[in-house]
Amino acid sequence: MRQYLNALTAVFYPNVCVHCKQNNVVHAFLPLCFACASQIRNYNNTETEFKVPQTLTAVSVSVNSFCALWYFEKTKPVQSIIEHIKYGHNTQLAKQMGTLLWQHFEAHLRMLHIDAILPMPISSLRKRQRGYNQAELLGKTISKQLGIPLLNASIIRKPQQSQTRLGRSHRFYNTEGAFCVKTTAPLASKNILILDDVCTTGATLEALINTWEKNICKTIHVLVLAYTPLQ
């Protein structure tokens, strides 16, 4: 029901804040009012020096750098933005967030000499239901600006239970064997950027990286819209 109401709000009230549903949007990129936008907590990439967070120990050996735009907190504005992207059929918002990621991380991404972007795959069933993969939409601007491909057909994700309502420990069991590789050729000896909307435990990220042979990529970097801190 909540997802349905979010979709209706986006259609009939496009200038209303997607979080509080009361005030008018005041930002060019964020679909939020001033009060809700002020609640967003920025992820401090400078302080972390783009290192993998300690809570993501499962992937810390494989991933060379990690960056996020915001912290993800339940019932907060960032959750509303991501829900509108994933469930509200708001593809334009996804592209806007991709542009925001590019504007924020352009210098860092250019320094990494990324060869290709790997959007976090979703199952074919979920893509048919949703109509798109939000990670692919997030990556369009970065792909265009860097002149590099989106690897959206190299790895297949099998249907599985949604991670959204699972606890941290159950997420690892749920994602085990979730992916299968069609070809590793686009990954071989390349600097790869894995792109996703939210990173919580790193379970999906670990399952994805474990799908291909160890050290097949030259480097692996991760960029997400939001990171969920350990409570």
C-alpha atoms as a PDB file:
ATOM      1  CA  MET A   1       0.000   0.000   0.000  1.00  0.00           C
ATOM      2  CA  ARG A   2       2.801   2.422   0.889  1.00  0.00           C
ATOM      3  CA  GLN A   3       4.507   1.810  -2.454  1.00  0.00           C
ATOM      4  CA  TYR A   4       1.210   2.435  -4.283  1.00  0.00           C
ATOM      5  CA  LEU A   5       0.664   5.730  -2.440  1.00  0.00           C
ATOM      6  CA  ASN A   6       4.241   6.799  -3.205  1.00  0.00           C
ATOM      7  CA  ALA A   7       3.634   6.226  -6.913  1.00  0.00           C
ATOM      8  CA  LEU A   8       0.377   8.207  -6.850  1.00  0.00           C
ATOM      9  CA  THR A   9       2.054  11.083  -5.017  1.00  0.00           C
ATOM     10  CA  ALA A  10       4.789  11.276  -7.659  1.00  0.00           C
ATOM     11  CA  VAL A  11       2.211  11.434 -10.466  1.00  0.00           C
ATOM     12  CA  PHE A  12      -0.375  13.831  -9.055  1.00  0.00           C
ATOM     13  CA  TYR A  13       1.835  15.946  -6.772  1.00  0.00           C
ATOM     14  CA  PRO A  14       5.253  16.093  -8.490  1.00  0.00           C
ATOM     15  CA  ASN A  15       6.319  19.228  -6.609  1.00  0.00           C
ATOM     16  CA  VAL A  16       5.456  17.911  -3.155  1.00  0.00           C
ATOM     17  CA  CYS A  17       8.202  16.609  -0.858  1.00  0.00           C
ATOM     18  CA  VAL A  18       8.424  12.807  -1.224  1.00  0.00           C
ATOM     19  CA  HIS A  19       9.091  12.374   2.482  1.00  0.00           C
ATOM     20  CA  CYS A  20       6.639  14.545   4.442  1.00  0.00           C
ATOM     21  CA  LYS A  21       4.107  14.788   1.554  1.00  0.00           C
ATOM     22  CA  GLN A  22       3.202  18.282   2.817  1.00  0.00           C
ATOM     23  CA  ASN A  23       5.669  20.971   1.792  1.00  0.00           C
ATOM     24  CA  ASN A  24       6.850  22.025  -1.657  1.00  0.00           C
ATOM     25  CA  VAL A  25      10.160  20.867  -3.090  1.00  0.00           C
ATOM     26  CA  VAL A  26      12.897  23.502  -2.864  1.00  0.00           C
ATOM     27  CA  HIS A  27      15.913  21.690  -4.353  1.00  0.00           C
ATOM     28  CA  ALA A  28      16.857  21.288  -8.008  1.00  0.00           C
ATOM     29  CA  PHE A  29      17.890  17.637  -7.569  1.00  0.00           C
ATOM     30  CA  LEU A  30      16.422  16.481  -4.273  1.00  0.00           C
ATOM     31  CA  PRO A  31      12.628  15.949  -4.233  1.00  0.00           C
ATOM     32  CA  LEU A  32      12.492  17.273  -0.676  1.00  0.00           C
ATOM     33  CA  CYS A  33      11.366  20.347   1.190  1.00  0.00           C
ATOM     34  CA  PHE A  34      13.903  22.367   3.157  1.00  0.00           C
ATOM     35  CA  ALA A  35      12.989  20.771   6.503  1.00  0.00           C
ATOM     36  CA  CYS A  36      13.338  17.209   5.201  1.00  0.00           C
ATOM     37  CA  ALA A  37      16.510  17.925   3.220  1.00  0.00           C
ATOM     38  CA  SER A  38      18.134  19.246   6.389  1.00  0.00           C
ATOM     39  CA  GLN A  39      17.653  15.823   8.020  1.00  0.00           C
ATOM     40  CA  ILE A  40      19.956  14.054   5.542  1.00  0.00           C
ATOM     41  CA  ARG A  41      23.302  12.935   6.944  1.00  0.00           C
ATOM     42  CA  ASN A  42      26.147  13.071   4.443  1.00  0.00           C
ATOM     43  CA  TYR A  43      28.597  10.174   4.462  1.00  0.00           C
ATOM     44  CA  ASN A  44      32.050  11.518   5.327  1.00  0.00           C
ATOM     45  CA  ASN A  45      34.234  10.118   2.543  1.00  0.00           C
ATOM     46  CA  THR A  46      37.085  12.504   3.344  1.00  0.00           C
ATOM     47  CA  GLU A  47      37.309  11.261   6.920  1.00  0.00           C
ATOM     48  CA  THR A  48      37.182   7.602   5.854  1.00  0.00           C
ATOM     49  CA  GLU A  49      39.643   8.219   2.997  1.00  0.00           C
ATOM     50  CA  PHE A  50      37.392   6.105   0.762  1.00  0.00           C
ATOM     51  CA  LYS A  51      38.216   2.991   2.788  1.00  0.00           C
ATOM     52  CA  VAL A  52      35.731   0.147   3.192  1.00  0.00           C
ATOM     53  CA  PRO A  53      33.701   0.612   6.421  1.00  0.00           C
ATOM     54  CA  GLN A  54      34.629  -1.742   9.264  1.00  0.00           C
ATOM     55  CA  THR A  55      31.115  -3.199   9.208  1.00  0.00           C
ATOM     56  CA  LEU A  56      31.789  -4.543   5.695  1.00  0.00           C
ATOM     57  CA  THR A  57      34.662  -6.808   6.727  1.00  0.00           C
ATOM     58  CA  ALA A  58      33.449  -9.554   4.371  1.00  0.00           C
ATOM     59  CA  VAL A  59      34.469  -7.502   1.329  1.00  0.00           C
ATOM     60  CA  SER A  60      37.298  -5.404   2.766  1.00  0.00           C
ATOM     61  CA  VAL A  61      40.005  -7.598   1.212  1.00  0.00           C
ATOM     62  CA  SER A  62      38.478  -7.528  -2.285  1.00  0.00           C
ATOM     63  CA  VAL A  63      37.367  -3.887  -2.520  1.00  0.00           C
ATOM     64  CA  ASN A  64      39.964  -1.182  -3.126  1.00  0.00           C
ATOM     65  CA  SER A  65      37.793   1.830  -2.330  1.00  0.00           C
ATOM     66  CA  PHE A  66      34.288   2.596  -1.080  1.00  0.00           C
ATOM     67  CA  CYS A  67      32.284   5.795  -1.274  1.00  0.00           C
ATOM     68  CA  ALA A  68      28.717   6.764  -0.457  1.00  0.00           C
ATOM     69  CA  LEU A  69      26.757   9.979  -0.736  1.00  0.00           C
ATOM     70  CA  TRP A  70      24.543   9.633   2.344  1.00  0.00           C
ATOM     71  CA  TYR A  71      23.777   7.527   5.379  1.00  0.00           C
ATOM     72  CA  PHE A  72      20.644   5.403   5.068  1.00  0.00           C
ATOM     73  CA  GLU A  73      18.330   5.605   8.091  1.00  0.00           C
ATOM     74  CA  LYS A  74      14.907   4.005   8.352  1.00  0.00           C
ATOM     75  CA  THR A  75      11.896   6.356   8.266  1.00  0.00           C
ATOM     76  CA  LYS A  76      14.194   9.219   7.192  1.00  0.00           C
ATOM     77  CA  PRO A  77      14.199  11.216   3.906  1.00  0.00           C
ATOM     78  CA  VAL A  78      16.887   9.126   2.186  1.00  0.00           C
ATOM     79  CA  GLN A  79      14.689   6.046   2.555  1.00  0.00           C
ATOM     80  CA  SER A  80      11.812   7.922   0.918  1.00  0.00           C
ATOM     81  CA  ILE A  81      14.012   8.940  -2.021  1.00  0.00           C
ATOM     82  CA  ILE A  82      15.185   5.376  -2.591  1.00  0.00           C
ATOM     83  CA  GLU A  83      11.662   3.964  -2.267  1.00  0.00           C
ATOM     84  CA  HIS A  84      10.459   6.393  -4.932  1.00  0.00           C
ATOM     85  CA  ILE A  85      13.292   5.270  -7.201  1.00  0.00           C
ATOM     86  CA  LYS A  86      12.730   1.540  -6.656  1.00  0.00           C
ATOM     87  CA  TYR A  87       8.975   1.291  -6.228  1.00  0.00           C
ATOM     88  CA  GLY A  88       7.526   4.580  -7.443  1.00  0.00           C
ATOM     89  CA  HIS A  89       8.525   4.062 -11.087  1.00  0.00           C
ATOM     90  CA  ASN A  90      10.389   7.365 -10.890  1.00  0.00           C
ATOM     91  CA  THR A  91      13.119   6.716 -13.443  1.00  0.00           C
ATOM     92  CA  GLN A  92      13.826  10.425 -13.825  1.00  0.00           C
ATOM     93  CA  LEU A  93      14.638  10.679 -10.117  1.00  0.00           C
ATOM     94  CA  ALA A  94      17.074   7.768 -10.466  1.00  0.00           C
ATOM     95  CA  LYS A  95      18.861   9.560 -13.299  1.00  0.00           C
ATOM     96  CA  GLN A  96      18.954  12.773 -11.250  1.00  0.00           C
ATOM     97  CA  MET A  97      20.556  10.901  -8.351  1.00  0.00           C
ATOM     98  CA  GLY A  98      23.091   9.461 -10.795  1.00  0.00           C
ATOM     99  CA  THR A  99      23.950  12.983 -11.909  1.00  0.00           C
ATOM    100  CA  LEU A 100      24.289  14.008  -8.258  1.00  0.00           C
ATOM    101  CA  LEU A 101      26.708  11.115  -7.673  1.00  0.00           C
ATOM    102  CA  TRP A 102      28.768  12.241 -10.655  1.00  0.00           C
ATOM    103  CA  GLN A 103      28.886  15.857  -9.514  1.00  0.00           C
ATOM    104  CA  HIS A 104      29.951  14.807  -6.027  1.00  0.00           C
ATOM    105  CA  PHE A 105      32.519  12.152  -6.948  1.00  0.00           C
ATOM    106  CA  GLU A 106      33.831  13.228 -10.363  1.00  0.00           C
ATOM    107  CA  ALA A 107      37.374  13.963  -9.174  1.00  0.00           C
ATOM    108  CA  HIS A 108      37.609  10.691  -7.251  1.00  0.00           C
ATOM    109  CA  LEU A 109      36.214   8.606 -10.113  1.00  0.00           C
ATOM    110  CA  ARG A 110      38.548  10.150 -12.690  1.00  0.00           C
ATOM    111  CA  MET A 111      41.515   9.418 -10.436  1.00  0.00           C
ATOM    112  CA  LEU A 112      40.555   5.715 -10.287  1.00  0.00           C
ATOM    113  CA  HIS A 113      40.727   5.302 -14.092  1.00  0.00           C
ATOM    114  CA  ILE A 114      37.581   3.167 -14.125  1.00  0.00           C
ATOM    115  CA  ASP A 115      37.259   0.930 -17.207  1.00  0.00           C
ATOM    116  CA  ALA A 116      33.652  -0.197 -16.761  1.00  0.00           C
ATOM    117  CA  ILE A 117      30.656   0.123 -14.428  1.00  0.00           C
ATOM    118  CA  LEU A 118      28.923  -2.953 -13.045  1.00  0.00           C
ATOM    119  CA  PRO A 119      25.449  -1.968 -11.799  1.00  0.00           C
ATOM    120  CA  MET A 120      24.284  -4.329  -9.056  1.00  0.00           C
ATOM    121  CA  PRO A 121      22.223  -6.900 -10.998  1.00  0.00           C
ATOM    122  CA  ILE A 122      18.598  -7.653 -10.152  1.00  0.00           C
ATOM    123  CA  SER A 123      16.727 -10.773 -11.225  1.00  0.00           C
ATOM    124  CA  SER A 124      14.929 -10.812 -14.574  1.00  0.00           C
ATOM    125  CA  LEU A 125      11.662 -11.327 -12.681  1.00  0.00           C
ATOM    126  CA  ARG A 126      12.196  -8.213 -10.580  1.00  0.00           C
ATOM    127  CA  LYS A 127      13.262  -6.216 -13.613  1.00  0.00           C
ATOM    128  CA  ARG A 128      10.061  -7.176 -15.435  1.00  0.00           C
ATOM    129  CA  GLN A 129       7.976  -6.223 -12.400  1.00  0.00           C
ATOM    130  CA  ARG A 130       9.772  -2.919 -11.860  1.00  0.00           C
ATOM    131  CA  GLY A 131      10.500  -2.130 -15.486  1.00  0.00           C
ATOM    132  CA  TYR A 132      14.145  -1.214 -14.884  1.00  0.00           C
ATOM    133  CA  ASN A 133      17.216  -1.778 -12.739  1.00  0.00           C
ATOM    134  CA  GLN A 134      17.684   1.321 -10.589  1.00  0.00           C
ATOM    135  CA  ALA A 135      21.466   0.767 -10.399  1.00  0.00           C
ATOM    136  CA  GLU A 136      21.681   0.922 -14.202  1.00  0.00           C
ATOM    137  CA  LEU A 137      19.816   4.239 -14.192  1.00  0.00           C
ATOM    138  CA  LEU A 138      22.130   5.594 -11.488  1.00  0.00           C
ATOM    139  CA  GLY A 139      25.105   4.688 -13.665  1.00  0.00           C
ATOM    140  CA  LYS A 140      23.996   6.297 -16.930  1.00  0.00           C
ATOM    141  CA  THR A 141      25.464   9.749 -16.267  1.00  0.00           C
ATOM    142  CA  ILE A 142      28.761   8.374 -14.942  1.00  0.00           C
ATOM    143  CA  SER A 143      29.023   6.007 -17.906  1.00  0.00           C
ATOM    144  CA  LYS A 144      28.426   8.849 -20.356  1.00  0.00           C
ATOM    145  CA  GLN A 145      30.786  11.309 -18.673  1.00  0.00           C
ATOM    146  CA  LEU A 146      33.655   8.809 -18.412  1.00  0.00           C
ATOM    147  CA  GLY A 147      32.950   7.229 -21.794  1.00  0.00           C
ATOM    148  CA  ILE A 148      32.906   3.719 -20.339  1.00  0.00           C
ATOM    149  CA  PRO A 149      30.386   0.864 -20.667  1.00  0.00           C
ATOM    150  CA  LEU A 150      27.705  -0.333 -18.283  1.00  0.00           C
ATOM    151  CA  LEU A 151      28.155  -4.086 -17.848  1.00  0.00           C
ATOM    152  CA  ASN A 152      24.480  -4.940 -17.494  1.00  0.00           C
ATOM    153  CA  ALA A 153      24.551  -8.353 -19.181  1.00  0.00           C
ATOM    154  CA  SER A 154      27.711 -10.000 -17.835  1.00  0.00           C
ATOM    155  CA  ILE A 155      26.222 -11.380 -14.609  1.00  0.00           C
ATOM    156  CA  ILE A 156      22.767 -12.805 -13.941  1.00  0.00           C
ATOM    157  CA  ARG A 157      20.988 -12.602 -10.599  1.00  0.00           C
ATOM    158  CA  LYS A 158      18.702 -15.448  -9.601  1.00  0.00           C
ATOM    159  CA  PRO A 159      15.269 -14.792  -8.039  1.00  0.00           C
ATOM    160  CA  GLN A 160      15.463 -14.596  -4.255  1.00  0.00           C
ATOM    161  CA  GLN A 161      13.660 -13.202  -1.245  1.00  0.00           C
ATOM    162  CA  SER A 162      13.925  -9.427  -0.929  1.00  0.00           C
ATOM    163  CA  GLN A 163      16.697  -8.276   1.413  1.00  0.00           C
ATOM    164  CA  THR A 164      14.701  -5.298   2.653  1.00  0.00           C
ATOM    165  CA  ARG A 165      13.046  -6.921   5.681  1.00  0.00           C
ATOM    166  CA  LEU A 166      15.810  -9.380   6.562  1.00  0.00           C
ATOM    167  CA  GLY A 167      18.150  -9.011   9.532  1.00  0.00           C
ATOM    168  CA  ARG A 168      21.887  -8.623   9.012  1.00  0.00           C
ATOM    169  CA  SER A 169      22.756 -12.310   9.578  1.00  0.00           C
ATOM    170  CA  HIS A 170      19.954 -13.617   7.345  1.00  0.00           C
ATOM    171  CA  ARG A 171      21.070 -11.426   4.439  1.00  0.00           C
ATOM    172  CA  PHE A 172      24.237 -13.489   3.977  1.00  0.00           C
ATOM    173  CA  TYR A 173      22.282 -16.764   3.814  1.00  0.00           C
ATOM    174  CA  ASN A 174      19.782 -15.218   1.409  1.00  0.00           C
ATOM    175  CA  THR A 175      22.419 -14.037  -1.081  1.00  0.00           C
ATOM    176  CA  GLU A 176      24.584 -17.168  -1.125  1.00  0.00           C
ATOM    177  CA  GLY A 177      24.781 -18.368  -4.722  1.00  0.00           C
ATOM    178  CA  ALA A 178      22.557 -15.500  -5.875  1.00  0.00           C
ATOM    179  CA  PHE A 179      24.575 -14.724  -9.013  1.00  0.00           C
ATOM    180  CA  CYS A 180      25.957 -16.584 -12.002  1.00  0.00           C
ATOM    181  CA  VAL A 181      28.478 -15.279 -14.524  1.00  0.00           C
ATOM    182  CA  LYS A 182      27.737 -15.266 -18.257  1.00  0.00           C
ATOM    183  CA  THR A 183      31.212 -14.010 -19.134  1.00  0.00           C
ATOM    184  CA  THR A 184      34.161 -12.585 -17.196  1.00  0.00           C
ATOM    185  CA  ALA A 185      35.851 -11.146 -20.288  1.00  0.00           C
ATOM    186  CA  PRO A 186      34.656  -7.545 -19.619  1.00  0.00           C
ATOM    187  CA  LEU A 187      36.052  -7.791 -16.061  1.00  0.00           C
ATOM    188  CA  ALA A 188      39.468  -9.286 -16.790  1.00  0.00           C
ATOM    189  CA  SER A 189      42.357  -7.028 -15.727  1.00  0.00           C
ATOM    190  CA  LYS A 190      39.998  -4.026 -15.559  1.00  0.00           C
ATOM    191  CA  ASN A 191      39.295  -1.330 -12.974  1.00  0.00           C
ATOM    192  CA  ILE A 192      35.651  -2.027 -12.151  1.00  0.00           C
ATOM    193  CA  LEU A 193      33.149   0.245 -10.388  1.00  0.00           C
ATOM    194  CA  ILE A 194      30.276  -1.611  -8.705  1.00  0.00           C
ATOM    195  CA  LEU A 195      27.290   0.714  -8.371  1.00  0.00           C
ATOM    196  CA  ASP A 196      24.217   0.279  -6.160  1.00  0.00           C
ATOM    197  CA  ASP A 197      21.562   2.321  -4.397  1.00  0.00           C
ATOM    198  CA  VAL A 198      22.079   1.063  -0.822  1.00  0.00           C
ATOM    199  CA  CYS A 199      24.747  -0.967   0.966  1.00  0.00           C
ATOM    200  CA  THR A 200      23.752  -2.425   4.336  1.00  0.00           C
ATOM    201  CA  THR A 201      25.728  -5.507   5.396  1.00  0.00           C
ATOM    202  CA  GLY A 202      27.749  -6.074   2.256  1.00  0.00           C
ATOM    203  CA  ALA A 203      26.122  -9.504   1.835  1.00  0.00           C
ATOM    204  CA  THR A 204      24.949  -8.877  -1.730  1.00  0.00           C
ATOM    205  CA  LEU A 205      28.241  -7.224  -2.596  1.00  0.00           C
ATOM    206  CA  GLU A 206      30.198 -10.201  -1.245  1.00  0.00           C
ATOM    207  CA  ALA A 207      28.005 -12.674  -3.147  1.00  0.00           C
ATOM    208  CA  LEU A 208      28.556 -10.712  -6.363  1.00  0.00           C
ATOM    209  CA  ILE A 209      32.340 -10.506  -5.998  1.00  0.00           C
ATOM    210  CA  ASN A 210      32.588 -14.194  -5.049  1.00  0.00           C
ATOM    211  CA  THR A 211      30.868 -15.096  -8.317  1.00  0.00           C
ATOM    212  CA  TRP A 212      33.962 -14.549 -10.413  1.00  0.00           C
ATOM    213  CA  GLU A 213      37.508 -15.812  -9.989  1.00  0.00           C
ATOM    214  CA  LYS A 214      39.668 -14.167  -7.351  1.00  0.00           C
ATOM    215  CA  ASN A 215      41.904 -11.378  -8.656  1.00  0.00           C
ATOM    216  CA  ILE A 216      40.318 -11.425 -12.119  1.00  0.00           C
ATOM    217  CA  CYS A 217      39.758  -7.653 -11.873  1.00  0.00           C
ATOM    218  CA  LYS A 218      42.666  -5.262 -11.617  1.00  0.00           C
ATOM    219  CA  THR A 219      40.821  -3.225  -8.971  1.00  0.00           C
ATOM    220  CA  ILE A 220      37.285  -3.156  -7.569  1.00  0.00           C
ATOM    221  CA  HIS A 221      35.668   0.055  -6.351  1.00  0.00           C
ATOM    222  CA  VAL A 222      32.208   0.537  -4.860  1.00  0.00           C
ATOM    223  CA  LEU A 223      29.926   3.563  -5.143  1.00  0.00           C
ATOM    224  CA  VAL A 224      26.510   3.671  -3.484  1.00  0.00           C
ATOM    225  CA  LEU A 225      23.877   6.312  -3.009  1.00  0.00           C
ATOM    226  CA  ALA A 226      23.546   5.442   0.684  1.00  0.00           C
ATOM    227  CA  TYR A 227      25.272   3.318   3.316  1.00  0.00           C
ATOM    228  CA  THR A 228      23.485   1.868   6.342  1.00  0.00           C
ATOM    229  CA  PRO A 229      25.561   2.336   9.520  1.00  0.00           C
ATOM    230  CA  LEU A 230      25.679  -0.418  12.120  1.00  0.00           C
ATOM    231  CA  GLN A 231      23.195   0.398  14.867  1.00  0.00           C
END
